[in-house]
N, C-alpha and C. Protein backbone atom coordinates (compact mmCIF):
# COMPACT_ATOMS: atom_id res chain seq x y z
N MET A 1 55.10 -45.47 -89.12
CA MET A 1 56.77 -45.35 -89.23
C MET A 1 57.26 -45.25 -88.75
N GLU A 2 58.03 -46.75 -88.92
CA GLU A 2 59.30 -47.46 -88.34
C GLU A 2 60.28 -46.49 -87.72
N GLU A 3 60.79 -46.70 -86.06
CA GLU A 3 62.41 -46.58 -86.13
C GLU A 3 63.09 -46.92 -87.55
N LEU A 4 64.06 -45.69 -86.74
CA LEU A 4 65.62 -46.21 -87.32
C LEU A 4 66.15 -46.61 -86.77
N ASP A 5 66.52 -47.49 -87.18
CA ASP A 5 68.04 -48.33 -86.98
C ASP A 5 69.18 -47.64 -86.38
N LEU A 6 70.19 -48.08 -85.70
CA LEU A 6 71.49 -47.86 -86.09
C LEU A 6 72.42 -48.07 -87.45
N ARG A 7 72.25 -49.15 -88.00
CA ARG A 7 72.60 -49.31 -89.24
C ARG A 7 71.98 -49.12 -90.48
N MET A 8 70.54 -48.76 -89.79
CA MET A 8 70.08 -47.39 -91.35
C MET A 8 70.46 -46.36 -90.55
N LEU A 9 70.29 -45.70 -89.15
CA LEU A 9 71.58 -44.46 -89.35
C LEU A 9 73.00 -44.20 -90.07
N LEU A 10 73.48 -45.04 -89.38
CA LEU A 10 75.10 -44.96 -90.62
C LEU A 10 74.92 -45.03 -91.41
N ARG A 11 73.36 -46.01 -92.38
CA ARG A 11 73.72 -45.97 -93.92
C ARG A 11 73.69 -44.32 -94.92
N VAL A 12 72.07 -44.11 -93.85
CA VAL A 12 71.68 -42.34 -94.56
C VAL A 12 73.19 -41.60 -94.27
N PHE A 13 73.89 -41.52 -93.55
CA PHE A 13 75.08 -40.13 -93.12
C PHE A 13 75.79 -40.75 -94.45
N ARG A 14 76.36 -41.61 -94.61
CA ARG A 14 77.09 -42.37 -95.53
C ARG A 14 76.32 -42.02 -97.04
N LYS A 15 75.37 -41.83 -96.97
CA LYS A 15 74.83 -41.70 -98.61
C LYS A 15 74.62 -40.49 -98.03
N ARG A 16 74.00 -39.20 -97.38
CA ARG A 16 73.59 -38.32 -96.98
C ARG A 16 75.73 -37.43 -96.75
N LEU A 17 75.95 -37.63 -96.70
CA LEU A 17 77.80 -37.37 -95.92
C LEU A 17 77.70 -35.76 -97.11
N TRP A 18 77.63 -36.31 -98.69
CA TRP A 18 78.15 -35.06 -99.28
C TRP A 18 77.09 -33.65 -99.28
N ILE A 19 75.76 -33.99 -98.66
CA ILE A 19 75.37 -33.09 -98.39
C ILE A 19 75.65 -32.22 -96.94
N ILE A 20 76.07 -33.05 -96.25
CA ILE A 20 76.17 -32.40 -94.46
C ILE A 20 77.72 -31.56 -94.96
N VAL A 21 78.64 -32.49 -95.63
CA VAL A 21 80.07 -31.55 -95.78
C VAL A 21 79.89 -30.06 -96.70
N LEU A 22 78.69 -30.32 -98.31
CA LEU A 22 78.37 -28.96 -98.70
C LEU A 22 77.87 -28.09 -97.26
N ILE A 23 76.55 -28.29 -96.93
CA ILE A 23 76.18 -27.29 -95.89
C ILE A 23 77.57 -26.37 -95.30
N THR A 24 78.04 -27.34 -94.34
CA THR A 24 79.00 -26.82 -93.55
C THR A 24 79.41 -25.55 -94.19
N ILE A 25 80.16 -26.30 -95.08
CA ILE A 25 81.41 -25.68 -95.86
C ILE A 25 80.49 -24.33 -96.24
N LEU A 26 79.50 -24.60 -97.32
CA LEU A 26 79.03 -22.85 -97.85
C LEU A 26 78.70 -22.11 -96.27
N SER A 27 77.92 -22.69 -95.05
CA SER A 27 77.90 -21.42 -94.00
C SER A 27 78.94 -21.17 -93.42
N THR A 28 80.55 -22.01 -92.94
CA THR A 28 81.80 -21.67 -93.17
C THR A 28 81.78 -20.86 -94.12
N VAL A 29 81.78 -20.64 -95.35
CA VAL A 29 82.29 -19.66 -96.34
C VAL A 29 81.49 -18.56 -95.81
N ILE A 30 80.28 -18.33 -95.82
CA ILE A 30 78.98 -17.23 -95.90
C ILE A 30 79.50 -16.37 -94.62
N SER A 31 79.82 -17.39 -93.45
CA SER A 31 79.86 -16.95 -91.99
C SER A 31 81.72 -15.67 -92.38
N GLY A 32 82.61 -16.46 -93.17
CA GLY A 32 83.80 -15.95 -92.95
C GLY A 32 83.67 -14.29 -93.42
N LEU A 33 82.36 -14.41 -94.80
CA LEU A 33 82.89 -13.16 -95.99
C LEU A 33 82.30 -12.57 -94.52
N VAL A 34 80.75 -12.78 -94.21
CA VAL A 34 80.22 -11.92 -93.87
C VAL A 34 81.27 -10.80 -92.46
N SER A 35 81.35 -11.93 -91.76
CA SER A 35 82.68 -10.84 -90.76
C SER A 35 83.97 -10.09 -91.14
N LEU A 36 83.81 -10.85 -92.58
CA LEU A 36 85.18 -9.96 -92.85
C LEU A 36 85.11 -8.59 -93.94
N TYR A 37 83.39 -8.59 -94.35
CA TYR A 37 83.48 -8.07 -95.48
C TYR A 37 81.98 -7.06 -95.01
N ILE A 38 81.06 -7.21 -94.39
CA ILE A 38 79.82 -6.65 -93.55
C ILE A 38 79.77 -6.40 -92.28
N LEU A 39 80.60 -7.02 -91.30
CA LEU A 39 80.37 -6.52 -89.92
C LEU A 39 81.50 -5.27 -90.09
N GLU A 40 81.46 -4.23 -89.22
CA GLU A 40 82.00 -3.32 -89.57
C GLU A 40 82.63 -3.90 -87.38
N PRO A 41 83.98 -3.84 -88.21
CA PRO A 41 84.89 -3.85 -86.50
C PRO A 41 84.82 -2.31 -86.34
N GLU A 42 84.70 -2.43 -84.41
CA GLU A 42 84.42 -1.82 -82.97
C GLU A 42 85.48 -2.42 -82.17
N TYR A 43 86.18 -1.50 -82.05
CA TYR A 43 87.30 -1.72 -81.71
C TYR A 43 87.10 -1.23 -79.39
N GLU A 44 87.70 -1.88 -79.03
CA GLU A 44 87.62 -1.33 -77.60
C GLU A 44 88.60 -1.52 -76.42
N THR A 45 88.88 -0.16 -75.34
CA THR A 45 90.23 -0.30 -74.75
C THR A 45 89.15 -0.08 -73.19
N TYR A 46 90.06 0.33 -71.61
CA TYR A 46 89.78 0.59 -71.17
C TYR A 46 90.82 1.25 -70.31
N THR A 47 90.39 2.00 -69.52
CA THR A 47 90.76 2.83 -68.25
C THR A 47 90.24 2.93 -67.28
N THR A 48 91.51 2.22 -66.22
CA THR A 48 90.97 2.42 -64.62
C THR A 48 91.24 3.62 -63.16
N LEU A 49 90.51 3.66 -62.31
CA LEU A 49 91.09 4.12 -61.59
C LEU A 49 90.71 3.88 -59.88
N MET A 50 92.14 4.51 -59.01
CA MET A 50 91.50 3.41 -58.59
C MET A 50 90.90 5.37 -57.64
N ILE A 51 90.07 4.75 -57.01
CA ILE A 51 89.09 6.06 -56.12
C ILE A 51 89.84 5.90 -54.54
N GLY A 52 89.73 7.34 -54.19
CA GLY A 52 90.45 7.66 -52.25
C GLY A 52 89.30 7.64 -51.38
N ARG A 53 89.66 7.86 -50.78
CA ARG A 53 88.58 7.64 -48.63
C ARG A 53 88.57 9.83 -49.19
N PRO A 54 86.76 10.02 -48.78
CA PRO A 54 86.34 10.70 -48.54
C PRO A 54 87.18 11.81 -47.14
N MET A 55 87.48 13.29 -47.25
CA MET A 55 87.87 13.96 -46.94
C MET A 55 87.95 13.73 -45.60
N ASP A 56 86.49 13.77 -44.88
CA ASP A 56 86.04 13.87 -43.28
C ASP A 56 85.71 12.80 -43.15
N TYR A 57 87.06 11.62 -43.00
CA TYR A 57 86.43 10.35 -42.86
C TYR A 57 88.04 10.84 -42.25
N LYS A 58 88.37 9.66 -40.87
CA LYS A 58 89.85 9.86 -39.96
C LYS A 58 90.65 9.03 -40.72
N GLN A 59 91.93 9.93 -40.67
CA GLN A 59 93.09 8.56 -41.55
C GLN A 59 93.25 7.25 -41.33
N GLU A 60 93.09 7.14 -39.38
CA GLU A 60 93.37 6.53 -38.99
C GLU A 60 92.69 4.73 -39.14
N MET A 61 91.35 5.28 -39.33
CA MET A 61 90.29 4.30 -39.89
C MET A 61 90.75 3.37 -41.61
N LYS A 62 91.92 2.92 -41.33
CA LYS A 62 91.86 2.58 -42.51
C LYS A 62 91.15 1.74 -43.42
N TYR A 63 91.19 0.35 -42.30
CA TYR A 63 90.11 -0.52 -43.00
C TYR A 63 88.41 -0.24 -42.50
N ASP A 64 88.37 0.83 -42.37
CA ASP A 64 87.02 1.16 -42.58
C ASP A 64 86.63 1.47 -43.84
N ASP A 65 87.60 2.45 -44.03
CA ASP A 65 88.03 3.34 -45.12
C ASP A 65 87.84 2.20 -46.54
N VAL A 66 87.68 1.29 -46.65
CA VAL A 66 88.55 0.53 -47.75
C VAL A 66 86.84 -0.62 -47.56
N LEU A 67 86.83 -0.89 -46.72
CA LEU A 67 85.31 -1.02 -47.20
C LEU A 67 84.20 0.08 -47.24
N LEU A 68 84.03 1.14 -46.53
CA LEU A 68 83.02 2.09 -47.15
C LEU A 68 83.74 1.68 -48.74
N ASN A 69 84.82 2.52 -49.06
CA ASN A 69 85.01 2.97 -50.92
C ASN A 69 84.27 1.32 -51.50
N GLN A 70 84.97 0.70 -51.19
CA GLN A 70 84.37 -0.61 -51.46
C GLN A 70 82.40 -0.33 -52.46
N LYS A 71 81.75 -0.40 -51.40
CA LYS A 71 80.46 0.00 -50.98
C LYS A 71 80.20 1.03 -51.42
N LEU A 72 80.68 2.19 -52.53
CA LEU A 72 80.43 3.57 -52.75
C LEU A 72 80.86 3.07 -54.37
N VAL A 73 81.54 2.14 -54.25
CA VAL A 73 82.06 1.85 -55.98
C VAL A 73 81.14 2.68 -56.75
N SER A 74 80.32 1.43 -56.74
CA SER A 74 78.72 1.61 -57.20
C SER A 74 78.23 3.02 -57.72
N THR A 75 78.13 3.85 -56.65
CA THR A 75 77.28 5.29 -57.15
C THR A 75 78.92 5.54 -57.96
N TYR A 76 80.17 5.81 -57.15
CA TYR A 76 80.49 6.28 -58.76
C TYR A 76 81.06 6.02 -59.94
N GLY A 77 80.42 4.32 -60.00
CA GLY A 77 79.80 3.70 -61.47
C GLY A 77 79.07 4.78 -62.45
N GLU A 78 77.52 5.22 -61.37
CA GLU A 78 76.79 5.60 -61.52
C GLU A 78 77.19 7.75 -62.30
N ILE A 79 78.00 7.76 -61.29
CA ILE A 79 78.30 9.39 -61.81
C ILE A 79 79.15 8.90 -62.45
N ALA A 80 79.99 8.51 -62.65
CA ALA A 80 80.42 8.13 -64.16
C ALA A 80 80.14 7.92 -65.58
N LYS A 81 78.49 7.34 -65.32
CA LYS A 81 76.80 7.24 -66.72
C LYS A 81 76.39 8.27 -66.55
N SER A 82 76.72 9.45 -65.50
CA SER A 82 75.95 10.49 -65.59
C SER A 82 75.69 11.12 -66.40
N LYS A 83 74.62 12.39 -67.19
CA LYS A 83 74.17 12.99 -68.23
C LYS A 83 75.44 14.27 -68.05
N VAL A 84 75.57 14.32 -66.52
CA VAL A 84 76.31 15.40 -66.30
C VAL A 84 77.42 15.20 -66.71
N VAL A 85 78.56 13.99 -66.76
CA VAL A 85 79.55 13.56 -67.34
C VAL A 85 79.52 13.74 -68.54
N ALA A 86 78.78 12.63 -69.11
CA ALA A 86 78.80 12.44 -70.63
C ALA A 86 78.12 14.00 -71.16
N ASN A 87 77.53 14.70 -71.00
CA ASN A 87 77.73 15.55 -70.92
C ASN A 87 78.27 16.81 -71.72
N GLU A 88 78.94 16.89 -70.44
CA GLU A 88 80.66 17.36 -71.07
C GLU A 88 82.13 16.96 -71.54
N VAL A 89 81.44 15.69 -71.83
CA VAL A 89 82.26 14.64 -72.62
C VAL A 89 82.29 14.98 -74.29
N LEU A 90 80.37 15.37 -74.27
CA LEU A 90 80.00 15.18 -75.43
C LEU A 90 81.00 16.40 -75.89
N PHE A 91 80.88 17.47 -75.40
CA PHE A 91 80.82 19.31 -75.47
C PHE A 91 82.40 19.10 -75.36
N ASN A 92 83.79 18.37 -74.61
CA ASN A 92 85.34 18.84 -74.45
C ASN A 92 85.71 17.91 -75.55
N LEU A 93 84.82 17.33 -76.62
CA LEU A 93 85.45 16.03 -77.54
C LEU A 93 84.86 16.03 -78.86
N ARG A 94 83.45 17.63 -78.73
CA ARG A 94 83.54 17.92 -79.89
C ARG A 94 82.62 16.62 -80.59
N LEU A 95 82.26 15.46 -80.17
CA LEU A 95 81.45 14.45 -80.40
C LEU A 95 80.01 15.38 -81.29
N ASN A 96 79.41 14.77 -82.36
CA ASN A 96 78.01 14.75 -82.88
C ASN A 96 77.23 13.50 -82.42
N LEU A 97 77.32 13.07 -81.17
CA LEU A 97 76.45 11.94 -80.09
C LEU A 97 75.23 12.40 -79.40
N THR A 98 74.55 11.99 -78.73
CA THR A 98 72.98 12.43 -78.11
C THR A 98 73.75 11.84 -76.77
N TYR A 99 73.12 11.63 -75.16
CA TYR A 99 73.67 11.52 -74.34
C TYR A 99 73.75 9.49 -74.55
N GLU A 100 72.47 9.46 -75.03
CA GLU A 100 72.31 7.96 -75.35
C GLU A 100 73.57 7.23 -76.36
N GLU A 101 73.47 7.87 -76.80
CA GLU A 101 74.64 6.44 -78.07
C GLU A 101 75.66 7.13 -77.81
N LEU A 102 75.99 7.91 -76.80
CA LEU A 102 77.74 7.84 -76.17
C LEU A 102 76.96 6.66 -75.10
N GLY A 103 75.78 6.71 -74.31
CA GLY A 103 76.13 5.30 -73.62
C GLY A 103 76.22 3.93 -73.57
N GLU A 104 76.17 3.61 -75.40
CA GLU A 104 76.51 2.50 -76.12
C GLU A 104 77.58 2.36 -76.04
N LYS A 105 78.74 3.20 -76.16
CA LYS A 105 80.09 3.22 -76.43
C LYS A 105 80.49 3.21 -75.18
N ILE A 106 80.05 3.68 -73.89
CA ILE A 106 81.08 3.25 -72.71
C ILE A 106 80.20 2.08 -71.50
N GLU A 107 81.11 1.55 -70.80
CA GLU A 107 80.04 0.32 -70.31
C GLU A 107 81.59 0.56 -68.90
N VAL A 108 81.15 1.02 -67.32
CA VAL A 108 81.31 1.35 -66.25
C VAL A 108 81.44 -0.21 -65.09
N LYS A 109 82.29 -1.05 -64.93
CA LYS A 109 82.61 -2.45 -64.58
C LYS A 109 83.06 -1.69 -63.20
N LEU A 110 82.99 -2.59 -62.41
CA LEU A 110 83.42 -2.26 -60.65
C LEU A 110 84.01 -4.19 -60.57
N VAL A 111 85.42 -3.36 -60.29
CA VAL A 111 86.73 -5.09 -60.34
C VAL A 111 86.18 -5.46 -59.03
N LYS A 112 86.32 -6.15 -58.65
CA LYS A 112 85.23 -6.86 -57.12
C LYS A 112 85.85 -7.02 -56.01
N ASP A 113 85.61 -6.62 -55.60
CA ASP A 113 86.20 -6.39 -53.17
C ASP A 113 87.65 -5.42 -53.49
N THR A 114 86.78 -4.56 -54.58
CA THR A 114 88.53 -3.15 -54.72
C THR A 114 87.80 -2.31 -54.86
N GLU A 115 88.55 -1.45 -55.77
CA GLU A 115 88.11 0.15 -55.16
C GLU A 115 88.68 0.85 -56.31
N ILE A 116 88.27 0.42 -56.77
CA ILE A 116 89.05 -0.33 -58.87
C ILE A 116 87.15 0.20 -59.30
N ILE A 117 87.82 0.90 -60.43
CA ILE A 117 86.64 1.39 -61.84
C ILE A 117 87.51 1.25 -62.32
N LYS A 118 86.58 0.41 -64.10
CA LYS A 118 86.67 0.44 -64.44
C LYS A 118 86.24 0.72 -65.75
N ILE A 119 85.90 1.62 -66.84
CA ILE A 119 85.96 2.35 -67.95
C ILE A 119 86.01 2.52 -69.07
N ILE A 120 84.88 2.18 -69.65
CA ILE A 120 85.35 0.40 -71.15
C ILE A 120 84.98 1.42 -72.30
N ALA A 121 85.23 2.26 -72.85
CA ALA A 121 84.95 1.87 -74.51
C ALA A 121 84.79 1.90 -76.11
N ARG A 122 83.95 1.94 -76.61
CA ARG A 122 83.93 1.19 -77.78
C ARG A 122 83.54 2.64 -78.96
N ASP A 123 84.25 1.57 -79.98
CA ASP A 123 83.80 2.48 -81.28
C ASP A 123 84.70 1.91 -82.42
N LYS A 124 84.46 2.67 -83.54
CA LYS A 124 84.76 1.81 -84.52
C LYS A 124 85.27 2.75 -85.08
N ASP A 125 86.23 3.94 -84.47
CA ASP A 125 87.97 3.83 -85.05
C ASP A 125 88.69 4.02 -83.19
N SER A 126 89.32 3.42 -83.34
CA SER A 126 90.13 2.72 -82.66
C SER A 126 91.39 4.32 -81.42
N ALA A 127 91.42 4.82 -82.05
CA ALA A 127 91.53 6.08 -81.67
C ALA A 127 90.50 6.44 -80.77
N ALA A 128 89.16 6.72 -81.62
CA ALA A 128 88.45 7.46 -80.41
C ALA A 128 87.77 6.69 -79.34
N ALA A 129 88.23 5.62 -79.39
CA ALA A 129 88.10 4.10 -78.67
C ALA A 129 88.25 5.06 -77.37
N ALA A 130 89.47 5.47 -77.53
CA ALA A 130 90.86 5.85 -76.43
C ALA A 130 90.82 6.81 -76.47
N GLN A 131 90.06 7.72 -76.62
CA GLN A 131 90.35 9.15 -76.61
C GLN A 131 88.68 9.81 -75.65
N ILE A 132 88.16 8.67 -75.85
CA ILE A 132 86.18 8.40 -75.02
C ILE A 132 86.78 7.95 -73.91
N ALA A 133 87.26 6.94 -73.56
CA ALA A 133 87.56 6.30 -72.25
C ALA A 133 88.40 7.53 -71.11
N ASN A 134 89.33 7.87 -71.57
CA ASN A 134 90.72 8.51 -70.97
C ASN A 134 89.64 10.26 -70.83
N GLU A 135 89.01 10.88 -71.85
CA GLU A 135 87.92 11.87 -71.25
C GLU A 135 86.58 12.03 -70.38
N ILE A 136 86.01 10.23 -70.08
CA ILE A 136 85.32 9.68 -69.48
C ILE A 136 86.10 10.13 -67.55
N ALA A 137 87.04 9.29 -68.37
CA ALA A 137 87.62 9.46 -67.18
C ALA A 137 87.95 10.59 -66.03
N LYS A 138 88.97 12.02 -66.72
CA LYS A 138 88.90 13.09 -67.11
C LYS A 138 88.11 12.94 -66.63
N VAL A 139 85.91 13.80 -66.58
CA VAL A 139 85.98 14.64 -66.60
C VAL A 139 84.65 14.21 -64.88
N PHE A 140 85.05 13.11 -64.87
CA PHE A 140 84.69 11.56 -63.67
C PHE A 140 85.90 12.10 -62.44
N MET A 141 86.99 11.80 -62.90
CA MET A 141 87.58 12.35 -61.26
C MET A 141 87.46 13.81 -61.11
N LYS A 142 86.95 14.52 -61.84
CA LYS A 142 86.36 15.99 -61.70
C LYS A 142 85.40 16.66 -60.97
N HIS A 143 83.99 15.27 -61.28
CA HIS A 143 82.79 15.01 -60.69
C HIS A 143 82.73 15.30 -59.27
N VAL A 144 83.51 13.97 -58.95
CA VAL A 144 82.96 13.32 -58.25
C VAL A 144 84.11 13.21 -56.94
N ALA A 145 84.74 13.84 -57.53
CA ALA A 145 85.75 15.61 -56.36
C ALA A 145 85.05 15.77 -55.61
N ILE A 146 83.76 16.99 -56.56
CA ILE A 146 83.27 17.79 -56.10
C ILE A 146 81.48 17.54 -55.20
N ILE A 147 81.04 16.37 -55.81
CA ILE A 147 80.05 16.25 -55.39
C ILE A 147 80.15 14.24 -53.97
N MET A 148 81.17 13.69 -54.18
CA MET A 148 80.98 12.51 -52.49
C MET A 148 83.10 13.66 -51.98
N LYS A 149 83.03 14.41 -52.48
CA LYS A 149 84.38 15.21 -51.49
C LYS A 149 85.24 14.04 -51.46
N ILE A 150 85.83 13.11 -52.80
CA ILE A 150 86.90 12.62 -52.74
C ILE A 150 88.90 13.33 -52.50
N GLU A 151 89.01 12.73 -51.77
CA GLU A 151 90.30 13.67 -51.41
C GLU A 151 91.32 13.12 -52.63
N ASN A 152 91.14 11.74 -53.37
CA ASN A 152 92.01 11.33 -54.97
C ASN A 152 91.81 10.26 -55.52
N VAL A 153 91.39 10.41 -56.93
CA VAL A 153 91.32 9.62 -57.88
C VAL A 153 91.98 9.31 -58.10
N GLN A 154 93.19 8.12 -58.66
CA GLN A 154 94.15 8.24 -59.12
C GLN A 154 93.81 7.19 -60.72
N VAL A 155 94.32 7.75 -61.76
CA VAL A 155 94.40 6.61 -62.77
C VAL A 155 95.38 5.65 -62.76
N ILE A 156 95.48 4.42 -62.95
CA ILE A 156 96.40 3.79 -63.28
C ILE A 156 96.47 2.66 -64.34
N ASP A 157 95.46 2.49 -65.55
CA ASP A 157 95.89 2.85 -66.59
C ASP A 157 95.39 3.78 -67.35
N VAL A 158 95.81 4.38 -67.74
CA VAL A 158 95.58 5.68 -69.53
C VAL A 158 94.49 4.18 -70.44
N ALA A 159 93.82 4.95 -70.99
CA ALA A 159 92.74 3.99 -72.55
C ALA A 159 94.67 3.87 -73.84
N GLU A 160 94.15 3.19 -73.94
CA GLU A 160 95.54 3.68 -75.59
C GLU A 160 94.67 2.98 -76.61
N ALA A 161 94.94 3.54 -77.31
CA ALA A 161 93.53 3.07 -79.05
C ALA A 161 94.75 1.91 -79.42
N PRO A 162 93.67 0.82 -79.44
CA PRO A 162 93.85 -0.55 -79.62
C PRO A 162 93.86 -1.16 -81.01
N ILE A 163 94.96 -2.28 -81.33
CA ILE A 163 95.76 -2.13 -83.12
C ILE A 163 94.63 -3.31 -83.34
N LYS A 164 94.56 -4.30 -82.34
CA LYS A 164 93.26 -5.40 -83.33
C LYS A 164 91.88 -4.62 -82.18
N PRO A 165 90.48 -5.22 -83.99
CA PRO A 165 89.52 -4.74 -83.52
C PRO A 165 89.09 -6.11 -82.02
N ASN A 166 88.10 -5.79 -81.37
CA ASN A 166 87.76 -6.86 -80.46
C ASN A 166 86.40 -6.72 -81.53
N LYS A 167 85.18 -6.90 -82.66
CA LYS A 167 84.74 -7.46 -83.02
C LYS A 167 84.61 -6.98 -84.27
N PRO A 168 84.22 -7.81 -85.67
CA PRO A 168 83.40 -9.32 -85.00
C PRO A 168 85.20 -10.32 -84.64
N ARG A 169 85.07 -11.46 -83.95
CA ARG A 169 85.48 -13.04 -83.59
C ARG A 169 85.51 -13.08 -84.32
N THR A 170 86.22 -13.47 -85.73
CA THR A 170 85.77 -14.42 -86.93
C THR A 170 86.50 -15.28 -86.78
N THR A 171 87.24 -15.62 -85.85
CA THR A 171 87.77 -16.85 -85.86
C THR A 171 86.44 -17.80 -84.98
N MET A 172 85.93 -17.20 -83.46
CA MET A 172 84.98 -18.10 -83.21
C MET A 172 83.57 -17.67 -83.76
N ASN A 173 83.16 -16.53 -85.13
CA ASN A 173 82.20 -17.12 -86.09
C ASN A 173 82.19 -17.69 -86.91
N LEU A 174 83.50 -18.56 -87.22
CA LEU A 174 83.43 -19.45 -88.04
C LEU A 174 83.58 -20.27 -87.55
N VAL A 175 84.27 -21.18 -86.46
CA VAL A 175 83.74 -22.58 -85.27
C VAL A 175 81.95 -22.30 -85.47
N ILE A 176 81.56 -21.62 -84.94
CA ILE A 176 80.29 -21.78 -84.53
C ILE A 176 79.50 -22.33 -85.57
N ALA A 177 79.76 -21.33 -86.24
CA ALA A 177 78.93 -21.39 -87.71
C ALA A 177 79.29 -22.45 -88.82
N SER A 178 80.18 -23.31 -88.55
CA SER A 178 80.68 -24.69 -89.47
C SER A 178 80.03 -25.99 -87.85
N VAL A 179 79.99 -25.60 -86.34
CA VAL A 179 79.76 -26.63 -85.69
C VAL A 179 78.46 -26.25 -86.08
N LEU A 180 77.42 -25.53 -85.65
CA LEU A 180 75.79 -25.33 -85.90
C LEU A 180 75.66 -25.90 -87.48
N ALA A 181 76.18 -25.62 -88.65
CA ALA A 181 76.06 -26.03 -89.96
C ALA A 181 76.05 -27.99 -89.98
N PHE A 182 76.83 -28.14 -88.99
CA PHE A 182 77.36 -29.88 -89.63
C PHE A 182 76.18 -30.13 -88.47
N MET A 183 75.45 -29.75 -87.35
CA MET A 183 74.23 -30.31 -86.66
C MET A 183 73.33 -30.44 -87.27
N LEU A 184 72.60 -28.78 -88.05
CA LEU A 184 71.90 -28.83 -87.95
C LEU A 184 71.74 -29.79 -89.82
N SER A 185 72.44 -30.16 -90.27
CA SER A 185 72.49 -30.21 -91.54
C SER A 185 72.37 -32.45 -91.56
N ILE A 186 73.05 -32.41 -90.21
CA ILE A 186 73.22 -33.87 -89.74
C ILE A 186 71.42 -34.18 -89.23
N PHE A 187 70.82 -33.50 -88.78
CA PHE A 187 69.23 -33.38 -87.94
C PHE A 187 68.56 -33.29 -89.60
N ALA A 188 68.26 -32.18 -90.35
CA ALA A 188 67.44 -32.56 -91.59
C ALA A 188 67.75 -33.16 -92.62
N VAL A 189 68.83 -34.15 -92.38
CA VAL A 189 68.69 -35.19 -93.44
C VAL A 189 68.34 -36.96 -92.73
N PHE A 190 68.04 -36.96 -91.77
CA PHE A 190 67.39 -37.67 -90.28
C PHE A 190 65.99 -37.30 -90.82
N ILE A 191 65.86 -36.58 -90.42
CA ILE A 191 64.41 -35.90 -90.36
C ILE A 191 63.98 -35.88 -92.12
N TYR A 192 64.41 -35.73 -93.44
CA TYR A 192 64.28 -36.12 -93.60
C TYR A 192 64.47 -37.84 -94.49
N GLU A 193 64.91 -38.11 -93.70
CA GLU A 193 64.85 -39.89 -94.59
C GLU A 193 63.00 -39.94 -93.14
N TYR A 194 63.09 -39.54 -92.42
CA TYR A 194 62.49 -40.29 -92.09
C TYR A 194 61.25 -40.25 -92.40
N PHE A 195 60.70 -39.50 -92.62
CA PHE A 195 59.48 -39.22 -93.56
C PHE A 195 59.61 -39.35 -95.05
N ASP A 196 60.80 -40.09 -95.37
CA ASP A 196 60.50 -40.21 -96.71
C ASP A 196 59.61 -42.48 -96.96
N ASN A 197 58.86 -42.21 -97.89
CA ASN A 197 58.30 -43.02 -97.65
C ASN A 197 58.36 -43.72 -99.08
N THR A 198 58.94 -43.43 -99.79
CA THR A 198 59.26 -43.88 -100.82
C THR A 198 60.08 -45.15 -100.93
N VAL A 199 59.64 -46.98 -101.77
CA VAL A 199 60.63 -47.58 -101.67
C VAL A 199 62.36 -47.89 -102.30
N LYS A 200 62.76 -47.99 -101.66
CA LYS A 200 64.21 -47.97 -102.50
C LYS A 200 65.34 -48.98 -101.94
N THR A 201 64.81 -50.20 -100.76
CA THR A 201 65.39 -51.64 -100.80
C THR A 201 63.66 -52.80 -100.79
N PRO A 202 64.49 -54.26 -101.01
CA PRO A 202 63.07 -55.31 -100.48
C PRO A 202 62.97 -54.95 -99.65
N GLU A 203 63.88 -54.34 -97.90
CA GLU A 203 63.50 -54.73 -96.49
C GLU A 203 62.12 -53.12 -96.63
N ASP A 204 62.55 -52.35 -97.32
CA ASP A 204 61.05 -51.23 -97.38
C ASP A 204 59.69 -51.84 -97.76
N ILE A 205 59.83 -52.98 -98.89
CA ILE A 205 58.64 -53.29 -99.46
C ILE A 205 57.95 -54.77 -98.65
N GLU A 206 58.99 -55.06 -98.08
CA GLU A 206 58.22 -55.85 -96.63
C GLU A 206 57.64 -55.13 -95.37
N LYS A 207 58.55 -54.12 -94.68
CA LYS A 207 57.58 -53.26 -94.51
C LYS A 207 56.63 -52.60 -94.92
N SER A 208 56.57 -52.17 -96.30
CA SER A 208 55.22 -51.61 -96.93
C SER A 208 54.01 -52.77 -96.51
N ILE A 209 54.38 -53.52 -97.36
CA ILE A 209 53.29 -54.43 -97.97
C ILE A 209 52.59 -55.73 -97.03
N GLY A 210 54.34 -56.15 -95.49
CA GLY A 210 53.70 -57.15 -94.81
C GLY A 210 54.01 -57.97 -95.81
N LEU A 211 54.89 -58.29 -96.64
CA LEU A 211 54.83 -59.66 -97.82
C LEU A 211 56.34 -60.08 -98.27
N PRO A 212 56.92 -61.21 -97.96
CA PRO A 212 58.39 -61.90 -98.36
C PRO A 212 58.73 -61.08 -99.67
N VAL A 213 59.53 -60.18 -100.37
CA VAL A 213 60.35 -60.44 -101.20
C VAL A 213 60.90 -62.12 -101.41
N ILE A 214 60.27 -62.41 -102.79
CA ILE A 214 60.49 -64.13 -103.65
C ILE A 214 61.51 -63.59 -105.40
N GLY A 215 61.39 -62.66 -104.82
CA GLY A 215 62.82 -62.56 -105.89
C GLY A 215 63.19 -61.30 -106.72
N ILE A 216 63.59 -60.37 -107.50
CA ILE A 216 64.10 -59.39 -107.05
C ILE A 216 64.81 -59.48 -109.02
N VAL A 217 64.53 -58.07 -109.74
CA VAL A 217 64.93 -58.36 -110.69
C VAL A 217 66.13 -57.06 -111.46
N PRO A 218 67.62 -58.45 -112.02
CA PRO A 218 68.43 -57.27 -111.58
C PRO A 218 68.27 -56.29 -112.69
N LYS A 219 69.24 -55.58 -112.06
CA LYS A 219 69.62 -54.26 -113.85
C LYS A 219 70.53 -54.55 -114.47
N VAL A 220 69.29 -54.42 -115.57
CA VAL A 220 70.04 -54.95 -116.64
C VAL A 220 71.04 -53.35 -117.86
N THR A 221 72.25 -53.99 -118.47
CA THR A 221 72.79 -53.04 -119.03
C THR A 221 73.12 -53.23 -120.59
N TYR A 222 73.17 -53.02 -120.89
CA TYR A 222 73.24 -53.14 -122.69
C TYR A 222 73.98 -52.38 -123.17
N GLN A 223 74.96 -52.83 -124.07
CA GLN A 223 75.71 -52.34 -124.54
C GLN A 223 75.77 -52.45 -126.12
């Protein structure tokens, strides 16, 4: 099979443009319908905590305390995600969830080069997400004070019920769907054209049988 040259590619693109446009529009519409009516919205909120220093460290060693606390933040994060904290949160909020199910709804991030941790909660209900984040912070503060003998843990940001859902991101889904559909439809059209052996033009006849075309019978329309 002969390779497609640039002029042929442009001809194929113009000829099959309606297919490319149709597939792109259909894919975009389907993506929008799925995002709006099938995918359930998910809300995300967070609370941030400033971790204090352990009580048994001298107050004048301020810089060393900061370095120590930065290293211990990962430990604090594990405490926030522990079963002890999770089970108490489930009990306090009367949530009908398992430890694993609650774990899927929360995430603990460490703010780089600081003594701050961010507790993120996600839920299909906006108010529930804020309630979970704040309760985890509350229970965590109690347990970390006992386990690590922390002098103080302060809440910087209280989780608030978000107004808009974090997911699905309808606009982004539409853009991704349209771009992918456009690219894939072009690829599919050119692949189809490449493997299509049917004769459409005089040039196709010359390439197929290796002989020049000496005449063409015009199409006659009878009225």
